[in-house]
C-alpha atoms as a PDB file:
ATOM      1  CA  MET A   1      97.913 -49.430  65.233  1.00  0.00           C
ATOM      2  CA  ASN A   2      95.533 -51.641  67.212  1.00  0.00           C
ATOM      3  CA  GLY A   3      98.034 -54.375  68.060  1.00  0.00           C
ATOM      4  CA  GLY A   4      96.514 -57.023  65.784  1.00  0.00           C
ATOM      5  CA  PRO A   5      98.195 -58.549  62.740  1.00  0.00           C
ATOM      6  CA  ARG A   6      98.845 -56.194  59.822  1.00  0.00           C
ATOM      7  CA  LEU A   7      97.302 -57.228  56.513  1.00  0.00           C
ATOM      8  CA  VAL A   8      98.393 -56.196  53.021  1.00  0.00           C
ATOM      9  CA  GLY A   9      96.967 -56.957  49.599  1.00  0.00           C
ATOM     10  CA  LEU A  10      98.413 -60.255  48.383  1.00  0.00           C
ATOM     11  CA  VAL A  11      98.829 -59.197  44.753  1.00  0.00           C
ATOM     12  CA  GLN A  12     100.366 -55.872  45.736  1.00  0.00           C
ATOM     13  CA  SER A  13     102.690 -57.572  48.211  1.00  0.00           C
ATOM     14  CA  VAL A  14     104.004 -60.067  45.661  1.00  0.00           C
ATOM     15  CA  ARG A  15     104.435 -57.355  43.005  1.00  0.00           C
ATOM     16  CA  ILE A  16     106.298 -54.960  45.281  1.00  0.00           C
ATOM     17  CA  GLN A  17     108.682 -57.620  46.555  1.00  0.00           C
ATOM     18  CA  GLY A  18     109.241 -59.030  43.067  1.00  0.00           C
ATOM     19  CA  ALA A  19     109.930 -55.619  41.527  1.00  0.00           C
ATOM     20  CA  LEU A  20     112.400 -54.628  44.251  1.00  0.00           C
ATOM     21  CA  LEU A  21     114.210 -57.968  44.042  1.00  0.00           C
ATOM     22  CA  LEU A  22     114.361 -57.894  40.254  1.00  0.00           C
ATOM     23  CA  ALA A  23     115.928 -54.444  40.090  1.00  0.00           C
ATOM     24  CA  VAL A  24     118.542 -55.144  42.746  1.00  0.00           C
ATOM     25  CA  SER A  25     119.440 -58.603  41.460  1.00  0.00           C
ATOM     26  CA  LEU A  26     119.932 -57.417  37.881  1.00  0.00           C
ATOM     27  CA  VAL A  27     122.210 -54.586  39.014  1.00  0.00           C
ATOM     28  CA  SER A  28     124.210 -57.090  41.064  1.00  0.00           C
ATOM     29  CA  CYS A  29     125.021 -59.002  37.860  1.00  0.00           C
ATOM     30  CA  VAL A  30     126.706 -56.094  36.063  1.00  0.00           C
ATOM     31  CA  PRO A  31     130.301 -57.012  37.058  1.00  0.00           C
ATOM     32  CA  ALA A  32     129.808 -60.608  35.906  1.00  0.00           C
ATOM     33  CA  PHE A  33     128.545 -59.522  32.504  1.00  0.00           C
ATOM     34  CA  LEU A  34     131.395 -57.022  32.162  1.00  0.00           C
ATOM     35  CA  GLY A  35     133.995 -59.659  32.878  1.00  0.00           C
ATOM     36  CA  GLY A  36     134.748 -59.242  36.563  1.00  0.00           C
ATOM     37  CA  ALA A  37     138.326 -59.608  37.743  1.00  0.00           C
ATOM     38  CA  GLY A  38     139.181 -62.413  35.321  1.00  0.00           C
ATOM     39  CA  GLU A  39     139.078 -62.770  31.575  1.00  0.00           C
ATOM     40  CA  PRO A  40     135.785 -61.485  30.220  1.00  0.00           C
ATOM     41  CA  ASP A  41     133.684 -64.280  28.809  1.00  0.00           C
ATOM     42  CA  PRO A  42     130.237 -62.807  28.250  1.00  0.00           C
ATOM     43  CA  LEU A  43     128.926 -65.965  26.582  1.00  0.00           C
ATOM     44  CA  ARG A  44     129.797 -68.103  29.618  1.00  0.00           C
ATOM     45  CA  SER A  45     128.313 -65.523  32.003  1.00  0.00           C
ATOM     46  CA  ALA A  46     125.156 -65.258  29.920  1.00  0.00           C
ATOM     47  CA  GLY A  47     124.767 -69.056  29.791  1.00  0.00           C
ATOM     48  CA  ILE A  48     125.201 -69.441  33.539  1.00  0.00           C
ATOM     49  CA  GLY A  49     122.892 -66.487  34.158  1.00  0.00           C
ATOM     50  CA  LEU A  50     120.205 -67.915  31.890  1.00  0.00           C
ATOM     51  CA  LEU A  51     120.430 -71.309  33.601  1.00  0.00           C
ATOM     52  CA  LEU A  52     120.193 -69.758  37.077  1.00  0.00           C
ATOM     53  CA  PHE A  53     117.321 -67.514  36.022  1.00  0.00           C
ATOM     54  CA  ALA A  54     115.267 -70.173  34.233  1.00  0.00           C
ATOM     55  CA  THR A  55     115.605 -72.866  36.902  1.00  0.00           C
ATOM     56  CA  THR A  56     114.644 -70.589  39.786  1.00  0.00           C
ATOM     57  CA  CYS A  57     111.791 -68.915  37.894  1.00  0.00           C
ATOM     58  CA  TYR A  58     110.343 -72.276  36.841  1.00  0.00           C
ATOM     59  CA  GLY A  59     110.977 -73.841  40.252  1.00  0.00           C
ATOM     60  CA  LEU A  60     109.208 -71.023  42.042  1.00  0.00           C
ATOM     61  CA  GLN A  61     106.193 -71.338  39.740  1.00  0.00           C
ATOM     62  CA  ARG A  62     105.900 -75.068  40.398  1.00  0.00           C
ATOM     63  CA  ALA A  63     106.400 -74.784  44.149  1.00  0.00           C
ATOM     64  CA  ARG A  64     104.255 -71.754  44.901  1.00  0.00           C
ATOM     65  CA  ARG A  65     101.143 -72.334  42.784  1.00  0.00           C
ATOM     66  CA  PRO A  66      99.883 -75.265  44.935  1.00  0.00           C
ATOM     67  CA  TRP A  67     100.845 -73.333  48.089  1.00  0.00           C
ATOM     68  CA  TYR A  68      98.731 -70.376  46.945  1.00  0.00           C
ATOM     69  CA  ARG A  69      95.831 -72.592  45.823  1.00  0.00           C
ATOM     70  CA  GLU A  70      95.648 -74.294  49.197  1.00  0.00           C
ATOM     71  CA  ARG A  71      95.352 -70.965  50.987  1.00  0.00           C
ATOM     72  CA  LEU A  72      92.906 -69.518  48.462  1.00  0.00           C
ATOM     73  CA  GLU A  73      90.577 -72.465  49.085  1.00  0.00           C
ATOM     74  CA  ARG A  74      90.335 -71.522  52.774  1.00  0.00           C
ATOM     75  CA  LEU A  75      89.482 -67.829  52.432  1.00  0.00           C
ATOM     76  CA  SER A  76      87.444 -66.118  55.107  1.00  0.00           C
ATOM     77  CA  PRO A  77      86.835 -62.526  56.188  1.00  0.00           C
ATOM     78  CA  PRO A  78      89.767 -60.988  58.097  1.00  0.00           C
ATOM     79  CA  PRO A  79      89.770 -61.198  61.889  1.00  0.00           C
ATOM     80  CA  PRO A  80      88.325 -58.118  63.650  1.00  0.00           C
ATOM     81  CA  THR A  81      91.658 -57.416  65.359  1.00  0.00           C
ATOM     82  CA  ALA A  82      93.532 -57.241  62.053  1.00  0.00           C
ATOM     83  CA  GLU A  83      94.789 -53.925  60.764  1.00  0.00           C
ATOM     84  CA  PRO A  84      94.622 -53.616  56.964  1.00  0.00           C
ATOM     85  CA  VAL A  85      97.506 -51.512  55.638  1.00  0.00           C
ATOM     86  CA  PRO A  86      96.228 -48.893  53.174  1.00  0.00           C
ATOM     87  CA  GLN A  87      97.320 -49.631  49.605  1.00  0.00           C
ATOM     88  CA  SER A  88      99.047 -46.260  49.434  1.00  0.00           C
ATOM     89  CA  GLU A  89     101.363 -47.200  52.334  1.00  0.00           C
ATOM     90  CA  ALA A  90     102.320 -50.721  51.241  1.00  0.00           C
ATOM     91  CA  PHE A  91     105.295 -49.808  49.040  1.00  0.00           C
ATOM     92  CA  ASP A  92     106.866 -47.718  51.786  1.00  0.00           C
ATOM     93  CA  LEU A  93     106.288 -50.496  54.309  1.00  0.00           C
ATOM     94  CA  PHE A  94     107.996 -53.130  52.133  1.00  0.00           C
ATOM     95  CA  SER A  95     110.814 -50.943  50.853  1.00  0.00           C
ATOM     96  CA  ARG A  96     111.816 -49.926  54.380  1.00  0.00           C
ATOM     97  CA  SER A  97     111.728 -53.459  55.773  1.00  0.00           C
ATOM     98  CA  LEU A  98     113.584 -54.955  52.800  1.00  0.00           C
ATOM     99  CA  THR A  99     116.378 -52.370  52.650  1.00  0.00           C
ATOM    100  CA  ALA A 100     118.947 -54.478  54.533  1.00  0.00           C
ATOM    101  CA  PRO A 101     118.169 -57.793  52.745  1.00  0.00           C
ATOM    102  CA  LEU A 102     118.212 -56.071  49.347  1.00  0.00           C
ATOM    103  CA  LEU A 103     121.517 -54.395  50.144  1.00  0.00           C
ATOM    104  CA  LEU A 104     122.920 -57.797  51.112  1.00  0.00           C
ATOM    105  CA  VAL A 105     121.722 -59.329  47.808  1.00  0.00           C
ATOM    106  CA  LEU A 106     123.324 -56.447  45.934  1.00  0.00           C
ATOM    107  CA  LEU A 107     126.672 -56.674  47.730  1.00  0.00           C
ATOM    108  CA  ILE A 108     126.939 -60.456  47.464  1.00  0.00           C
ATOM    109  CA  GLY A 109     125.998 -60.394  43.796  1.00  0.00           C
ATOM    110  CA  LEU A 110     128.492 -57.633  43.023  1.00  0.00           C
ATOM    111  CA  ALA A 111     131.300 -59.337  44.951  1.00  0.00           C
ATOM    112  CA  VAL A 112     130.754 -62.811  43.476  1.00  0.00           C
ATOM    113  CA  GLY A 113     130.199 -61.415  39.996  1.00  0.00           C
ATOM    114  CA  TYR A 114     133.381 -59.380  40.122  1.00  0.00           C
ATOM    115  CA  ALA A 115     135.489 -62.152  41.672  1.00  0.00           C
ATOM    116  CA  THR A 116     134.280 -65.068  39.548  1.00  0.00           C
ATOM    117  CA  GLY A 117     132.392 -63.703  36.569  1.00  0.00           C
ATOM    118  CA  ILE A 118     129.335 -65.754  37.645  1.00  0.00           C
ATOM    119  CA  PRO A 119     126.114 -63.704  37.740  1.00  0.00           C
ATOM    120  CA  VAL A 120     124.677 -65.188  40.940  1.00  0.00           C
ATOM    121  CA  GLY A 121     122.154 -62.362  41.047  1.00  0.00           C
ATOM    122  CA  MET A 122     120.340 -64.108  38.197  1.00  0.00           C
ATOM    123  CA  PHE A 123     119.249 -66.727  40.741  1.00  0.00           C
ATOM    124  CA  VAL A 124     117.406 -64.006  42.661  1.00  0.00           C
ATOM    125  CA  ALA A 125     116.244 -62.387  39.404  1.00  0.00           C
ATOM    126  CA  GLY A 126     114.609 -65.700  38.491  1.00  0.00           C
ATOM    127  CA  MET A 127     112.800 -65.733  41.827  1.00  0.00           C
ATOM    128  CA  ALA A 128     111.698 -62.132  41.303  1.00  0.00           C
ATOM    129  CA  ALA A 129     110.446 -62.815  37.777  1.00  0.00           C
ATOM    130  CA  GLY A 130     108.602 -65.867  39.097  1.00  0.00           C
ATOM    131  CA  MET A 131     106.956 -63.674  41.729  1.00  0.00           C
ATOM    132  CA  LEU A 132     105.897 -61.136  39.100  1.00  0.00           C
ATOM    133  CA  LEU A 133     104.466 -63.873  36.881  1.00  0.00           C
ATOM    134  CA  GLN A 134     102.718 -65.399  39.882  1.00  0.00           C
ATOM    135  CA  SER A 135     101.189 -62.030  40.725  1.00  0.00           C
ATOM    136  CA  ARG A 136      99.376 -62.007  37.375  1.00  0.00           C
ATOM    137  CA  TRP A 137      97.796 -65.366  38.176  1.00  0.00           C
ATOM    138  CA  LEU A 138      96.924 -64.153  41.682  1.00  0.00           C
ATOM    139  CA  ALA A 139      95.280 -61.016  40.256  1.00  0.00           C
ATOM    140  CA  ALA A 140      93.139 -63.207  37.989  1.00  0.00           C
ATOM    141  CA  GLU A 141      92.181 -65.365  40.982  1.00  0.00           C
ATOM    142  CA  GLU A 142      91.279 -62.251  42.931  1.00  0.00           C
ATOM    143  CA  ARG A 143      88.956 -61.114  40.117  1.00  0.00           C
ATOM    144  CA  ARG A 144      87.409 -64.589  39.946  1.00  0.00           C
ATOM    145  CA  LEU A 145      86.790 -64.581  43.704  1.00  0.00           C
ATOM    146  CA  GLY A 146      85.217 -61.123  43.593  1.00  0.00           C
ATOM    147  CA  GLY A 147      87.234 -59.447  46.297  1.00  0.00           C
ATOM    148  CA  ARG A 148      90.622 -58.303  47.496  1.00  0.00           C
ATOM    149  CA  VAL A 149      92.778 -61.082  48.926  1.00  0.00           C
ATOM    150  CA  LEU A 150      94.789 -60.031  51.964  1.00  0.00           C
ATOM    151  CA  CYS A 151      97.808 -61.703  53.514  1.00  0.00           C
ATOM    152  CA  LEU A 152      99.886 -61.059  56.604  1.00  0.00           C
ATOM    153  CA  TYR A 153     102.603 -58.485  56.515  1.00  0.00           C
ATOM    154  CA  THR A 154     105.406 -60.512  58.051  1.00  0.00           C
ATOM    155  CA  PRO A 155     108.456 -58.611  59.254  1.00  0.00           C
ATOM    156  CA  VAL A 156     111.855 -59.745  57.971  1.00  0.00           C
ATOM    157  CA  ARG A 157     112.854 -60.595  61.530  1.00  0.00           C
ATOM    158  CA  VAL A 158     110.184 -62.062  63.780  1.00  0.00           C
ATOM    159  CA  ARG A 159     110.855 -61.788  67.498  1.00  0.00           C
ATOM    160  CA  ALA A 160     110.533 -65.028  69.470  1.00  0.00           C
ATOM    161  CA  ASP A 161     107.936 -63.408  71.747  1.00  0.00           C
ATOM    162  CA  ASP A 162     105.820 -62.022  68.884  1.00  0.00           C
ATOM    163  CA  PRO A 163     102.200 -62.988  69.631  1.00  0.00           C
ATOM    164  CA  ASP A 164     101.520 -63.348  65.881  1.00  0.00           C
ATOM    165  CA  GLY A 165     104.378 -65.854  65.391  1.00  0.00           C
ATOM    166  CA  PRO A 166     102.118 -68.923  64.976  1.00  0.00           C
ATOM    167  CA  LEU A 167      99.935 -66.976  62.554  1.00  0.00           C
ATOM    168  CA  TYR A 168     102.996 -66.079  60.428  1.00  0.00           C
ATOM    169  CA  ARG A 169     103.881 -69.765  60.121  1.00  0.00           C
ATOM    170  CA  ARG A 170     100.345 -70.715  58.983  1.00  0.00           C
ATOM    171  CA  SER A 171     100.300 -67.914  56.359  1.00  0.00           C
ATOM    172  CA  PRO A 172      96.520 -67.699  55.970  1.00  0.00           C
ATOM    173  CA  PHE A 173      94.801 -65.497  53.397  1.00  0.00           C
ATOM    174  CA  TRP A 174      91.639 -63.482  53.907  1.00  0.00           C
ATOM    175  CA  ILE A 175      89.219 -61.876  51.491  1.00  0.00           C
ATOM    176  CA  VAL A 176      87.438 -58.567  51.579  1.00  0.00           C
ATOM    177  CA  ARG A 177      84.560 -58.798  49.142  1.00  0.00           C
ATOM    178  CA  GLU A 178      83.441 -55.781  47.231  1.00  0.00           C
ATOM    179  CA  THR A 179      79.955 -54.716  48.236  1.00  0.00           C
ATOM    180  CA  PRO A 180      77.566 -53.610  45.461  1.00  0.00           C
END
């Protein structure tokens, strides 16, 4: 590692995070759909779950598309100090760094679902589905732009003294164009 910011493929990053979140959040809803500690009411749980899922999925689509467009309009080649993460290592990188947050999502979803019968994990599932849908649009944009769009790999916890802290907050995108 050369000490510069680590870059990952934007589409791959969104897909990996969305897939991991979707799997964990759906599993966290199982107790709610099975009735939890109270009287089982699968229709009520399904209705609440659908509402949570649809509102977060739709909300993420509306909020993120302009955010992505703004960054895609300002594409440039990556800085020379940046370290692109090989595509083959990206899943391992994300799965290791997201282990604790995903475990937290799972435990909270299981506990709330069991105690109340409310599938709160569907909120996160809606976000994950929105990310997966967004990744399709981003892949189309990448093809239109004729290159691979890279983004920063941002750790879950950023140290206060991290020299890349300001860069994380700006969230720029870079492009590596395919050469003929």
